[in-house]
C-alpha atoms as a PDB file:
ATOM      1  CA  LYS A   1     167.733  70.306  29.099  1.00  0.00           C
ATOM      2  CA  TRP A   2     164.301  70.663  30.740  1.00  0.00           C
ATOM      3  CA  SER A   3     164.107  67.109  32.109  1.00  0.00           C
ATOM      4  CA  LYS A   4     165.775  67.864  35.391  1.00  0.00           C
ATOM      5  CA  TYR A   5     163.071  70.324  36.158  1.00  0.00           C
ATOM      6  CA  GLY A   6     160.115  67.642  35.937  1.00  0.00           C
ATOM      7  CA  ASN A   7     159.387  67.933  39.560  1.00  0.00           C
ATOM      8  CA  LEU A   8     159.132  71.616  39.589  1.00  0.00           C
ATOM      9  CA  LYS A   9     156.107  73.849  39.109  1.00  0.00           C
ATOM     10  CA  ILE A  10     156.687  76.306  36.415  1.00  0.00           C
ATOM     11  CA  ILE A  11     155.103  79.702  36.017  1.00  0.00           C
ATOM     12  CA  ASN A  12     155.006  81.000  32.456  1.00  0.00           C
ATOM     13  CA  PHE A  13     154.608  84.472  31.239  1.00  0.00           C
ATOM     14  CA  SER A  14     154.891  83.415  27.683  1.00  0.00           C
ATOM     15  CA  LYS A  15     152.124  81.471  26.262  1.00  0.00           C
ATOM     16  CA  VAL A  16     154.304  79.847  23.643  1.00  0.00           C
ATOM     17  CA  LEU A  17     156.576  78.306  26.245  1.00  0.00           C
ATOM     18  CA  TYR A  18     153.602  77.410  28.399  1.00  0.00           C
ATOM     19  CA  GLN A  19     152.086  75.355  25.426  1.00  0.00           C
ATOM     20  CA  LYS A  20     155.535  73.564  24.810  1.00  0.00           C
ATOM     21  CA  LEU A  21     155.950  72.675  28.237  1.00  0.00           C
ATOM     22  CA  SER A  22     152.458  71.357  28.867  1.00  0.00           C
ATOM     23  CA  LYS A  23     152.566  69.232  25.914  1.00  0.00           C
ATOM     24  CA  THR A  24     155.692  67.532  27.477  1.00  0.00           C
ATOM     25  CA  GLY A  25     153.783  67.059  30.821  1.00  0.00           C
ATOM     26  CA  PHE A  26     155.326  69.705  32.970  1.00  0.00           C
ATOM     27  CA  ASN A  27     153.337  71.072  35.712  1.00  0.00           C
ATOM     28  CA  SER A  28     152.974  74.428  34.133  1.00  0.00           C
ATOM     29  CA  MET A  29     150.661  77.494  34.396  1.00  0.00           C
ATOM     30  CA  TYR A  30     150.330  80.545  32.206  1.00  0.00           C
ATOM     31  CA  ILE A  31     149.501  84.115  33.285  1.00  0.00           C
ATOM     32  CA  GLN A  32     150.097  87.344  31.352  1.00  0.00           C
ATOM     33  CA  TYR A  33     151.658  89.977  33.220  1.00  0.00           C
ATOM     34  CA  PHE A  34     151.020  93.871  32.739  1.00  0.00           C
ATOM     35  CA  PRO A  35     152.577  96.774  34.491  1.00  0.00           C
ATOM     36  CA  GLU A  36     150.240  99.525  35.927  1.00  0.00           C
ATOM     37  CA  PRO A  37     149.420 102.045  33.432  1.00  0.00           C
ATOM     38  CA  LYS A  38     149.503 105.529  34.972  1.00  0.00           C
ATOM     39  CA  GLU A  39     149.634 108.840  32.880  1.00  0.00           C
ATOM     40  CA  PHE A  40     148.931 108.568  29.214  1.00  0.00           C
ATOM     41  CA  CYS A  41     151.852 109.857  27.494  1.00  0.00           C
ATOM     42  CA  PRO A  42     151.633 109.290  23.777  1.00  0.00           C
ATOM     43  CA  GLY A  43     154.615 111.856  23.021  1.00  0.00           C
ATOM     44  CA  THR A  44     155.270 113.023  19.496  1.00  0.00           C
ATOM     45  CA  PRO A  45     154.456 110.318  17.074  1.00  0.00           C
ATOM     46  CA  GLU A  46     157.471 111.070  14.789  1.00  0.00           C
ATOM     47  CA  GLU A  47     160.027 110.601  17.553  1.00  0.00           C
ATOM     48  CA  VAL A  48     161.623 107.363  18.288  1.00  0.00           C
ATOM     49  CA  PHE A  49     163.240 105.936  21.328  1.00  0.00           C
ATOM     50  CA  PHE A  50     165.683 103.307  20.472  1.00  0.00           C
ATOM     51  CA  TRP A  51     167.583 101.345  23.170  1.00  0.00           C
ATOM     52  CA  GLN A  52     170.241  99.282  21.258  1.00  0.00           C
ATOM     53  CA  ARG A  53     170.763  96.255  23.487  1.00  0.00           C
ATOM     54  CA  VAL A  54     171.607  93.590  21.058  1.00  0.00           C
ATOM     55  CA  THR A  55     173.751  93.597  17.909  1.00  0.00           C
ATOM     56  CA  ILE A  56     171.232  92.605  15.454  1.00  0.00           C
ATOM     57  CA  ILE A  57     168.730  95.368  16.148  1.00  0.00           C
ATOM     58  CA  ASN A  58     170.762  98.445  15.112  1.00  0.00           C
ATOM     59  CA  ILE A  59     170.660 101.664  13.247  1.00  0.00           C
ATOM     60  CA  GLU A  60     171.150  99.852   9.970  1.00  0.00           C
ATOM     61  CA  LYS A  61     167.961  97.880  10.581  1.00  0.00           C
ATOM     62  CA  LEU A  62     166.047 100.986  11.640  1.00  0.00           C
ATOM     63  CA  LYS A  63     167.057 102.806   8.400  1.00  0.00           C
ATOM     64  CA  LYS A  64     165.382 100.033   6.382  1.00  0.00           C
ATOM     65  CA  ILE A  65     162.323 100.129   8.372  1.00  0.00           C
ATOM     66  CA  PHE A  66     161.927 103.877   8.464  1.00  0.00           C
ATOM     67  CA  ASN A  67     162.834 104.219   4.667  1.00  0.00           C
ATOM     68  CA  LYS A  68     161.218 107.347   3.349  1.00  0.00           C
ATOM     69  CA  THR A  69     159.606 108.045   6.731  1.00  0.00           C
ATOM     70  CA  LYS A  70     160.613 111.172   8.358  1.00  0.00           C
ATOM     71  CA  VAL A  71     161.453 110.298  11.992  1.00  0.00           C
ATOM     72  CA  LYS A  72     163.815 111.650  14.612  1.00  0.00           C
ATOM     73  CA  ILE A  73     165.754 108.883  16.540  1.00  0.00           C
ATOM     74  CA  HIS A  74     166.986 109.089  19.948  1.00  0.00           C
ATOM     75  CA  ILE A  75     169.649 106.264  20.722  1.00  0.00           C
ATOM     76  CA  HIS A  76     170.100 105.079  24.091  1.00  0.00           C
ATOM     77  CA  LYS A  77     173.545 103.454  24.335  1.00  0.00           C
ATOM     78  CA  ALA A  78     173.311 100.557  26.899  1.00  0.00           C
ATOM     79  CA  ILE A  79     174.330  97.402  25.270  1.00  0.00           C
ATOM     80  CA  ASP A  80     173.742  93.987  26.788  1.00  0.00           C
ATOM     81  CA  PRO A  81     176.906  91.970  27.780  1.00  0.00           C
ATOM     82  CA  GLY A  82     178.519  90.282  24.746  1.00  0.00           C
ATOM     83  CA  GLN A  83     176.823  92.429  22.257  1.00  0.00           C
ATOM     84  CA  ARG A  84     178.087  95.136  19.769  1.00  0.00           C
ATOM     85  CA  TYR A  85     177.035  98.768  19.320  1.00  0.00           C
ATOM     86  CA  THR A  86     176.531 100.050  15.806  1.00  0.00           C
ATOM     87  CA  SER A  87     177.429 103.723  15.321  1.00  0.00           C
ATOM     88  CA  PRO A  88     175.328 105.855  12.947  1.00  0.00           C
ATOM     89  CA  SER A  89     177.216 107.748  10.162  1.00  0.00           C
ATOM     90  CA  VAL A  90     177.356 111.388  10.181  1.00  0.00           C
ATOM     91  CA  ASP A  91     174.784 111.357   7.304  1.00  0.00           C
ATOM     92  CA  ASP A  92     172.522 109.224   9.489  1.00  0.00           C
ATOM     93  CA  GLU A  93     172.676 111.832  12.279  1.00  0.00           C
ATOM     94  CA  LYS A  94     171.687 114.526  10.073  1.00  0.00           C
ATOM     95  CA  GLU A  95     168.914 112.565   8.238  1.00  0.00           C
ATOM     96  CA  PHE A  96     167.287 111.291  11.453  1.00  0.00           C
ATOM     97  CA  LYS A  97     168.364 114.078  13.713  1.00  0.00           C
ATOM     98  CA  ILE A  98     169.862 111.627  16.108  1.00  0.00           C
ATOM     99  CA  THR A  99     170.417 112.266  19.664  1.00  0.00           C
ATOM    100  CA  TYR A 100     172.125 110.093  22.369  1.00  0.00           C
ATOM    101  CA  SER A 101     172.031 109.035  26.016  1.00  0.00           C
ATOM    102  CA  GLU A 102     173.674 106.341  28.105  1.00  0.00           C
ATOM    103  CA  TRP A 103     172.624 105.203  31.360  1.00  0.00           C
ATOM    104  CA  PHE A 104     170.275 107.441  33.338  1.00  0.00           C
ATOM    105  CA  ASP A 105     170.681 107.957  37.099  1.00  0.00           C
ATOM    106  CA  THR A 106     167.288 106.352  37.842  1.00  0.00           C
ATOM    107  CA  LYS A 107     164.629 104.374  36.090  1.00  0.00           C
ATOM    108  CA  GLN A 108     162.151 107.290  36.763  1.00  0.00           C
ATOM    109  CA  GLU A 109     164.527 109.669  34.890  1.00  0.00           C
ATOM    110  CA  MET A 110     164.516 107.366  31.821  1.00  0.00           C
ATOM    111  CA  GLN A 111     160.774 107.088  31.885  1.00  0.00           C
ATOM    112  CA  GLU A 112     160.388 110.859  32.223  1.00  0.00           C
ATOM    113  CA  PHE A 113     162.612 111.321  29.037  1.00  0.00           C
ATOM    114  CA  MET A 114     160.478 108.621  27.157  1.00  0.00           C
ATOM    115  CA  LYS A 115     157.343 110.570  27.657  1.00  0.00           C
ATOM    116  CA  THR A 116     158.248 112.967  24.688  1.00  0.00           C
ATOM    117  CA  LYS A 117     158.779 109.943  22.356  1.00  0.00           C
ATOM    118  CA  GLY A 118     155.904 108.423  20.487  1.00  0.00           C
ATOM    119  CA  ILE A 119     157.596 105.389  19.112  1.00  0.00           C
ATOM    120  CA  PHE A 120     159.568 102.617  21.284  1.00  0.00           C
ATOM    121  CA  ILE A 121     161.630 100.112  19.614  1.00  0.00           C
ATOM    122  CA  ALA A 122     161.499  96.779  21.438  1.00  0.00           C
ATOM    123  CA  PRO A 123     165.072  96.013  22.026  1.00  0.00           C
ATOM    124  CA  ARG A 124     165.461  92.162  21.654  1.00  0.00           C
ATOM    125  CA  LEU A 125     164.345  89.632  19.222  1.00  0.00           C
ATOM    126  CA  ARG A 126     162.558  87.458  21.873  1.00  0.00           C
ATOM    127  CA  GLU A 127     161.598  88.007  25.554  1.00  0.00           C
ATOM    128  CA  GLY A 128     160.746  86.034  28.627  1.00  0.00           C
ATOM    129  CA  ILE A 129     158.444  88.809  29.638  1.00  0.00           C
ATOM    130  CA  GLY A 130     159.443  92.054  28.032  1.00  0.00           C
ATOM    131  CA  ILE A 131     159.311  94.608  30.744  1.00  0.00           C
ATOM    132  CA  SER A 132     160.765  97.606  28.621  1.00  0.00           C
ATOM    133  CA  PHE A 133     158.264  97.271  25.819  1.00  0.00           C
ATOM    134  CA  LEU A 134     155.319  96.613  28.311  1.00  0.00           C
ATOM    135  CA  GLU A 135     156.144  99.700  30.246  1.00  0.00           C
ATOM    136  CA  ALA A 136     156.284 101.592  26.961  1.00  0.00           C
ATOM    137  CA  MET A 137     152.841 100.270  26.164  1.00  0.00           C
ATOM    138  CA  ALA A 138     151.586 101.246  29.441  1.00  0.00           C
ATOM    139  CA  GLN A 139     152.416 104.885  28.462  1.00  0.00           C
ATOM    140  CA  GLY A 140     150.494 104.595  25.213  1.00  0.00           C
ATOM    141  CA  LYS A 141     153.657 104.287  22.945  1.00  0.00           C
ATOM    142  CA  ILE A 142     153.812 102.835  19.515  1.00  0.00           C
ATOM    143  CA  VAL A 143     155.903  99.741  20.060  1.00  0.00           C
ATOM    144  CA  ILE A 144     157.782  98.336  16.999  1.00  0.00           C
ATOM    145  CA  ALA A 145     158.946  94.783  17.690  1.00  0.00           C
ATOM    146  CA  GLN A 146     160.106  91.587  16.382  1.00  0.00           C
ATOM    147  CA  ASP A 147     157.219  89.327  15.298  1.00  0.00           C
ATOM    148  CA  ALA A 148     158.072  86.659  18.056  1.00  0.00           C
ATOM    149  CA  PRO A 149     157.238  85.964  21.684  1.00  0.00           C
ATOM    150  CA  THR A 150     156.513  87.597  23.929  1.00  0.00           C
ATOM    151  CA  MET A 151     156.037  90.623  21.809  1.00  0.00           C
ATOM    152  CA  ASN A 152     153.448  89.161  19.454  1.00  0.00           C
ATOM    153  CA  GLU A 153     151.518  87.786  22.404  1.00  0.00           C
ATOM    154  CA  TYR A 154     150.736  91.484  23.387  1.00  0.00           C
ATOM    155  CA  ILE A 155     150.899  93.407  20.114  1.00  0.00           C
ATOM    156  CA  LYS A 156     148.444  93.151  17.364  1.00  0.00           C
ATOM    157  CA  ASN A 157     150.001  94.443  14.239  1.00  0.00           C
ATOM    158  CA  LYS A 158     148.855  97.937  13.095  1.00  0.00           C
ATOM    159  CA  LYS A 159     146.223  97.931  15.976  1.00  0.00           C
ATOM    160  CA  THR A 160     148.418  98.067  19.180  1.00  0.00           C
ATOM    161  CA  GLY A 161     151.844  98.620  17.547  1.00  0.00           C
ATOM    162  CA  PHE A 162     153.726  97.169  14.581  1.00  0.00           C
ATOM    163  CA  LEU A 163     155.442  93.561  14.254  1.00  0.00           C
ATOM    164  CA  VAL A 164     158.435  93.482  11.948  1.00  0.00           C
ATOM    165  CA  ASN A 165     161.229  91.085  11.028  1.00  0.00           C
ATOM    166  CA  PHE A 166     164.546  92.666  12.138  1.00  0.00           C
ATOM    167  CA  LYS A 167     166.439  89.907  10.517  1.00  0.00           C
ATOM    168  CA  LYS A 168     165.148  90.965   7.053  1.00  0.00           C
ATOM    169  CA  PRO A 169     163.689  94.348   7.706  1.00  0.00           C
ATOM    170  CA  LYS A 170     161.332  96.059   5.194  1.00  0.00           C
ATOM    171  CA  PRO A 171     159.849  99.571   5.074  1.00  0.00           C
ATOM    172  CA  ILE A 172     156.676  99.921   7.333  1.00  0.00           C
ATOM    173  CA  LYS A 173     154.000 102.425   6.815  1.00  0.00           C
ATOM    174  CA  LEU A 174     153.439 104.518   9.841  1.00  0.00           C
ATOM    175  CA  SER A 175     149.722 105.458   9.719  1.00  0.00           C
ATOM    176  CA  ASN A 176     146.796 105.778  12.178  1.00  0.00           C
ATOM    177  CA  LEU A 177     149.298 106.564  14.881  1.00  0.00           C
ATOM    178  CA  GLU A 178     147.181 108.519  17.279  1.00  0.00           C
ATOM    179  CA  GLN A 179     144.525 105.799  17.261  1.00  0.00           C
ATOM    180  CA  ILE A 180     147.100 102.938  17.780  1.00  0.00           C
ATOM    181  CA  GLN A 181     148.455 104.957  20.926  1.00  0.00           C
ATOM    182  CA  LYS A 182     144.852 105.155  22.279  1.00  0.00           C
ATOM    183  CA  ASN A 183     144.345 101.420  21.455  1.00  0.00           C
ATOM    184  CA  THR A 184     147.542 100.499  23.129  1.00  0.00           C
ATOM    185  CA  TYR A 185     146.827 102.512  26.396  1.00  0.00           C
ATOM    186  CA  LYS A 186     143.425 100.953  26.512  1.00  0.00           C
ATOM    187  CA  TYR A 187     144.738  97.384  26.117  1.00  0.00           C
ATOM    188  CA  ALA A 188     147.258  98.097  28.726  1.00  0.00           C
ATOM    189  CA  GLN A 189     144.692  99.259  31.211  1.00  0.00           C
ATOM    190  CA  GLU A 190     142.523  96.218  30.623  1.00  0.00           C
ATOM    191  CA  GLY A 191     145.501  93.868  30.692  1.00  0.00           C
ATOM    192  CA  TYR A 192     146.505  95.309  34.176  1.00  0.00           C
ATOM    193  CA  LYS A 193     142.990  94.820  35.457  1.00  0.00           C
ATOM    194  CA  ASN A 194     143.102  91.299  34.262  1.00  0.00           C
ATOM    195  CA  TRP A 195     146.414  90.711  35.964  1.00  0.00           C
ATOM    196  CA  ILE A 196     145.410  92.097  39.185  1.00  0.00           C
ATOM    197  CA  SER A 197     142.167  89.790  39.223  1.00  0.00           C
ATOM    198  CA  LYS A 198     144.101  86.627  38.324  1.00  0.00           C
ATOM    199  CA  ARG A 199     147.514  86.928  39.901  1.00  0.00           C
ATOM    200  CA  LYS A 200     146.338  85.083  43.006  1.00  0.00           C
ATOM    201  CA  GLU A 201     146.050  82.094  40.799  1.00  0.00           C
ATOM    202  CA  ILE A 202     149.839  81.834  41.122  1.00  0.00           C
ATOM    203  CA  ILE A 203     149.530  81.271  44.842  1.00  0.00           C
ATOM    204  CA  ASP A 204     146.746  78.569  44.185  1.00  0.00           C
ATOM    205  CA  PHE A 205     148.947  76.959  41.681  1.00  0.00           C
ATOM    206  CA  ILE A 206     151.882  76.989  44.060  1.00  0.00           C
ATOM    207  CA  GLU A 207     149.871  75.340  46.872  1.00  0.00           C
ATOM    208  CA  LYS A 208     148.119  72.712  44.840  1.00  0.00           C
ATOM    209  CA  GLU A 209     149.415  69.099  44.970  1.00  0.00           C
ATOM    210  CA  ASN A 210     152.133  68.188  42.438  1.00  0.00           C
ATOM    211  CA  ILE A 211     151.796  64.345  42.379  1.00  0.00           C
ATOM    212  CA  GLU A 212     149.633  63.746  39.405  1.00  0.00           C
ATOM    213  CA  ILE A 213     151.336  66.175  37.050  1.00  0.00           C
ATOM    214  CA  ASN A 214     154.668  64.643  37.998  1.00  0.00           C
ATOM    215  CA  PHE A 215     153.481  61.182  37.127  1.00  0.00           C
ATOM    216  CA  ASN A 216     152.196  62.527  33.657  1.00  0.00           C
ATOM    217  CA  PHE A 217     155.469  64.241  33.038  1.00  0.00           C
ATOM    218  CA  PHE A 218     157.689  61.143  33.555  1.00  0.00           C
ATOM    219  CA  GLN A 219     155.258  59.113  31.612  1.00  0.00           C
ATOM    220  CA  LYS A 220     155.514  61.332  28.725  1.00  0.00           C
ATOM    221  CA  LEU A 221     159.162  61.774  28.965  1.00  0.00           C
ATOM    222  CA  LEU A 222     159.662  57.915  29.001  1.00  0.00           C
ATOM    223  CA  GLY A 223     157.556  57.754  25.897  1.00  0.00           C
ATOM    224  CA  PHE A 224     159.663  60.229  24.275  1.00  0.00           C
ATOM    225  CA  PHE A 225     162.881  58.268  24.885  1.00  0.00           C
ATOM    226  CA  ILE A 226     161.235  55.070  23.792  1.00  0.00           C
ATOM    227  CA  PHE A 227     159.558  56.632  20.664  1.00  0.00           C
ATOM    228  CA  PRO A 228     161.579  59.645  19.766  1.00  0.00           C
ATOM    229  CA  LYS A 229     160.207  62.098  17.329  1.00  0.00           C
ATOM    230  CA  ILE A 230     162.045  62.006  13.967  1.00  0.00           C
END
Protein backbone atom coordinates (compact mmCIF):
# COMPACT_ATOMS: atom_id res chain seq x y z
CA LYS A 1 0.00 0.00 0.00
CA TRP A 2 2.75 2.45 0.93
CA SER A 3 5.39 1.34 -1.62
CA LYS A 4 4.12 3.72 -4.34
CA TYR A 5 4.96 6.66 -2.05
CA GLY A 6 8.64 5.76 -1.75
CA ASN A 7 9.76 8.78 -3.78
CA LEU A 8 7.81 11.24 -1.64
CA LYS A 9 8.71 13.11 1.51
CA ILE A 10 6.28 12.37 4.29
CA ILE A 11 5.56 14.74 7.18
CA ASN A 12 4.16 12.88 10.17
CA PHE A 13 2.20 14.40 13.05
CA SER A 14 2.04 10.96 14.66
CA LYS A 15 5.19 9.59 16.23
CA VAL A 16 4.02 5.99 15.84
CA LEU A 17 3.48 6.38 12.09
CA TYR A 18 6.82 8.16 11.74
CA GLN A 19 8.64 5.28 13.46
CA LYS A 20 6.94 2.68 11.26
CA LEU A 21 7.72 4.54 8.04
CA SER A 22 11.30 5.31 9.03
CA LYS A 23 12.01 1.64 9.72
CA THR A 24 10.92 0.86 6.17
CA GLY A 25 13.24 3.50 4.72
CA PHE A 26 10.79 6.26 3.88
CA ASN A 27 12.04 9.83 3.75
CA SER A 28 10.01 10.87 6.77
CA MET A 29 10.05 13.54 9.46
CA TYR A 30 8.12 13.92 12.71
CA ILE A 31 6.84 17.10 14.26
CA GLN A 32 4.16 17.52 16.92
CA TYR A 33 1.45 20.07 16.22
CA PHE A 34 -0.27 22.25 18.83
CA PRO A 35 -2.96 24.90 18.31
CA GLU A 36 -2.47 28.23 20.06
CA PRO A 37 -3.85 28.27 23.62
CA LYS A 38 -5.65 31.49 24.31
CA GLU A 39 -8.01 31.84 27.25
CA PHE A 40 -7.88 29.26 30.06
CA CYS A 41 -11.47 27.93 30.16
CA PRO A 42 -11.59 24.94 32.53
CA GLY A 43 -15.39 25.04 32.72
CA THR A 44 -17.41 23.02 35.20
CA PRO A 45 -15.48 19.80 35.97
CA GLU A 46 -18.61 17.63 36.19
CA GLU A 47 -20.00 18.74 32.80
CA VAL A 48 -19.13 16.65 29.74
CA PHE A 49 -19.04 17.62 26.07
CA PHE A 50 -19.50 14.49 23.96
CA TRP A 51 -19.40 14.78 20.18
CA GLN A 52 -20.51 11.40 18.86
CA ARG A 53 -18.74 10.99 15.56
CA VAL A 54 -18.29 7.21 15.34
CA THR A 55 -20.56 4.28 16.16
CA ILE A 56 -18.30 2.63 18.72
CA ILE A 57 -17.93 5.64 21.06
CA ASN A 58 -21.49 6.15 22.23
CA ILE A 59 -23.65 6.84 25.26
CA GLU A 60 -23.56 3.18 26.31
CA LYS A 61 -19.77 3.31 26.57
CA LEU A 62 -19.92 6.58 28.50
CA LYS A 63 -22.38 5.07 30.99
CA LYS A 64 -19.77 2.42 31.83
CA ILE A 65 -16.96 4.94 32.10
CA PHE A 66 -18.98 7.27 34.33
CA ASN A 67 -20.52 4.47 36.39
CA LYS A 68 -21.42 5.81 39.87
CA THR A 69 -19.99 9.21 38.92
CA LYS A 70 -22.33 12.18 38.79
CA VAL A 71 -21.78 14.04 35.54
CA LYS A 72 -23.96 16.09 33.24
CA ILE A 73 -23.56 15.13 29.57
CA HIS A 74 -24.08 17.31 26.52
CA ILE A 75 -24.30 15.31 23.27
CA HIS A 76 -23.32 17.01 20.03
CA LYS A 77 -25.05 14.99 17.30
CA ALA A 78 -22.87 15.31 14.20
CA ILE A 79 -22.01 11.82 13.01
CA ASP A 80 -19.20 11.01 10.57
CA PRO A 81 -20.31 9.55 7.19
CA GLY A 82 -21.11 5.85 7.42
CA GLN A 83 -21.39 5.88 11.22
CA ARG A 84 -24.45 5.32 13.41
CA TYR A 85 -25.79 7.45 16.26
CA THR A 86 -26.89 5.82 19.53
CA SER A 87 -29.81 7.51 21.26
CA PRO A 88 -29.87 7.70 25.06
CA SER A 89 -32.89 6.24 26.84
CA VAL A 90 -35.31 8.38 28.82
CA ASP A 91 -33.68 7.09 32.01
CA ASP A 92 -30.26 8.05 30.66
CA GLU A 93 -31.50 11.57 29.95
CA LYS A 94 -32.70 11.92 33.53
CA GLU A 95 -29.64 10.37 35.16
CA PHE A 96 -27.09 12.41 33.19
CA LYS A 97 -29.28 15.48 32.59
CA ILE A 98 -28.52 15.12 28.89
CA THR A 99 -28.77 18.10 26.57
CA TYR A 100 -28.27 18.15 22.81
CA SER A 101 -26.92 20.17 19.91
CA GLU A 102 -26.35 19.58 16.21
CA TRP A 103 -24.17 21.62 13.85
CA PHE A 104 -23.33 25.10 15.13
CA ASP A 105 -23.42 28.01 12.68
CA THR A 106 -19.69 28.68 13.20
CA LYS A 107 -16.70 27.01 14.79
CA GLN A 108 -16.40 29.97 17.17
CA GLU A 109 -19.94 29.38 18.39
CA MET A 110 -19.09 25.77 19.22
CA GLN A 111 -15.91 26.78 21.05
CA GLU A 112 -17.82 29.37 23.08
CA PHE A 113 -20.32 26.72 24.08
CA MET A 114 -17.54 24.31 25.06
CA LYS A 115 -16.05 26.85 27.48
CA THR A 116 -18.64 25.90 30.10
CA LYS A 117 -17.75 22.18 29.97
CA GLY A 118 -14.90 20.73 32.00
CA ILE A 119 -14.60 17.35 30.27
CA PHE A 120 -14.20 16.61 26.55
CA ILE A 121 -14.57 13.13 25.05
CA ALA A 122 -12.11 12.58 22.19
CA PRO A 123 -14.50 11.39 19.46
CA ARG A 124 -12.47 8.75 17.58
CA LEU A 125 -10.46 5.61 18.38
CA ARG A 126 -7.39 6.98 16.59
CA GLU A 127 -6.36 10.20 14.88
CA GLY A 128 -3.88 11.46 12.32
CA ILE A 129 -3.52 14.66 14.33
CA GLY A 130 -6.68 15.09 16.41
CA ILE A 131 -7.57 18.77 16.09
CA SER A 132 -10.77 18.53 18.16
CA PHE A 133 -9.18 17.12 21.31
CA LEU A 134 -6.08 19.34 20.90
CA GLU A 135 -8.29 22.44 20.82
CA ALA A 136 -10.02 21.16 23.95
CA MET A 137 -6.65 20.73 25.67
CA ALA A 138 -5.73 24.27 24.60
CA GLN A 139 -8.70 25.49 26.65
CA GLY A 140 -7.61 23.44 29.66
CA LYS A 141 -10.25 20.73 29.31
CA ILE A 142 -9.99 17.27 30.83
CA VAL A 143 -9.83 15.03 27.75
CA ILE A 144 -10.96 11.42 28.01
CA ALA A 145 -9.58 9.49 25.03
CA GLN A 146 -8.86 6.07 23.62
CA ASP A 147 -5.41 4.84 24.63
CA ALA A 148 -4.10 4.98 21.04
CA PRO A 149 -2.26 7.39 18.71
CA THR A 150 -2.31 10.27 18.51
CA MET A 151 -4.19 10.77 21.78
CA ASN A 152 -1.69 8.84 23.89
CA GLU A 153 1.14 10.82 22.27
CA TYR A 154 -0.24 13.96 23.94
CA ILE A 155 -2.13 12.75 27.01
CA LYS A 156 -0.43 11.40 30.11
CA ASN A 157 -2.99 9.35 31.99
CA LYS A 158 -4.31 11.08 35.13
CA LYS A 159 -1.88 13.98 34.60
CA THR A 160 -3.08 15.73 31.43
CA GLY A 161 -6.26 13.72 30.87
CA PHE A 162 -7.53 10.14 31.04
CA LEU A 163 -6.75 7.27 28.66
CA VAL A 164 -9.35 4.50 28.40
CA ASN A 165 -10.35 1.53 26.26
CA PHE A 166 -13.68 2.35 24.61
CA LYS A 167 -13.86 -1.17 23.20
CA LYS A 168 -13.94 -2.62 26.72
CA PRO A 169 -14.79 0.38 28.91
CA LYS A 170 -14.32 0.32 32.67
CA PRO A 171 -15.28 2.93 35.28
CA ILE A 172 -12.69 5.66 35.81
CA LYS A 173 -12.18 7.59 39.00
CA LEU A 174 -12.40 11.30 38.28
CA SER A 175 -10.10 12.89 40.83
CA ASN A 176 -7.66 15.80 41.02
CA LEU A 177 -9.59 17.44 38.18
CA GLU A 178 -8.60 21.07 38.79
CA GLN A 179 -4.91 20.16 38.84
CA ILE A 180 -5.27 18.10 35.65
CA GLN A 181 -6.87 21.13 33.96
CA LYS A 182 -3.96 23.35 35.02
CA ASN A 183 -1.44 20.70 33.89
CA THR A 184 -3.17 20.39 30.54
CA TYR A 185 -3.25 24.11 29.84
CA LYS A 186 0.43 24.50 30.77
CA TYR A 187 1.32 21.51 28.59
CA ALA A 188 -0.59 23.04 25.66
CA GLN A 189 1.22 26.37 26.13
CA GLU A 190 4.64 24.70 26.15
CA GLY A 191 3.70 22.50 23.20
CA TYR A 192 2.61 25.50 21.15
CA LYS A 193 5.89 27.32 21.83
CA ASN A 194 7.78 24.21 20.70
CA TRP A 195 5.65 23.98 17.54
CA ILE A 196 6.34 27.63 16.66
CA SER A 197 10.08 27.19 17.16
CA LYS A 198 10.34 23.96 15.15
CA ARG A 199 7.82 24.35 12.33
CA LYS A 200 10.47 25.88 10.04
CA GLU A 201 12.04 22.42 10.03
CA ILE A 202 9.21 21.40 7.70
CA ILE A 203 10.52 23.82 5.05
CA ASP A 204 14.09 22.62 5.59
CA PHE A 205 12.93 19.02 5.21
CA ILE A 206 11.07 19.81 1.97
CA GLU A 207 14.07 21.60 0.46
CA LYS A 208 16.61 18.92 1.42
CA GLU A 209 17.88 16.54 -1.26
CA ASN A 210 15.91 13.30 -1.49
CA ILE A 211 18.33 10.94 -3.31
CA GLU A 212 20.00 9.13 -0.39
CA ILE A 213 16.78 8.35 1.45
CA ASN A 214 15.13 7.09 -1.74
CA PHE A 215 17.98 4.63 -2.25
CA ASN A 216 17.60 3.38 1.32
CA PHE A 217 13.87 2.99 0.85
CA PHE A 218 14.10 0.86 -2.27
CA GLN A 219 16.94 -1.18 -0.79
CA LYS A 220 14.85 -2.02 2.28
CA LEU A 221 11.75 -2.62 0.20
CA LEU A 222 13.68 -5.05 -2.03
CA GLY A 223 14.93 -6.83 1.08
CA PHE A 224 11.38 -7.12 2.36
CA PHE A 225 10.21 -8.90 -0.80
CA ILE A 226 13.26 -11.20 -0.90
CA PHE A 227 13.17 -11.96 2.82
CA PRO A 228 9.56 -11.35 3.90
CA LYS A 229 8.76 -11.27 7.58
CA ILE A 230 6.87 -14.37 8.73
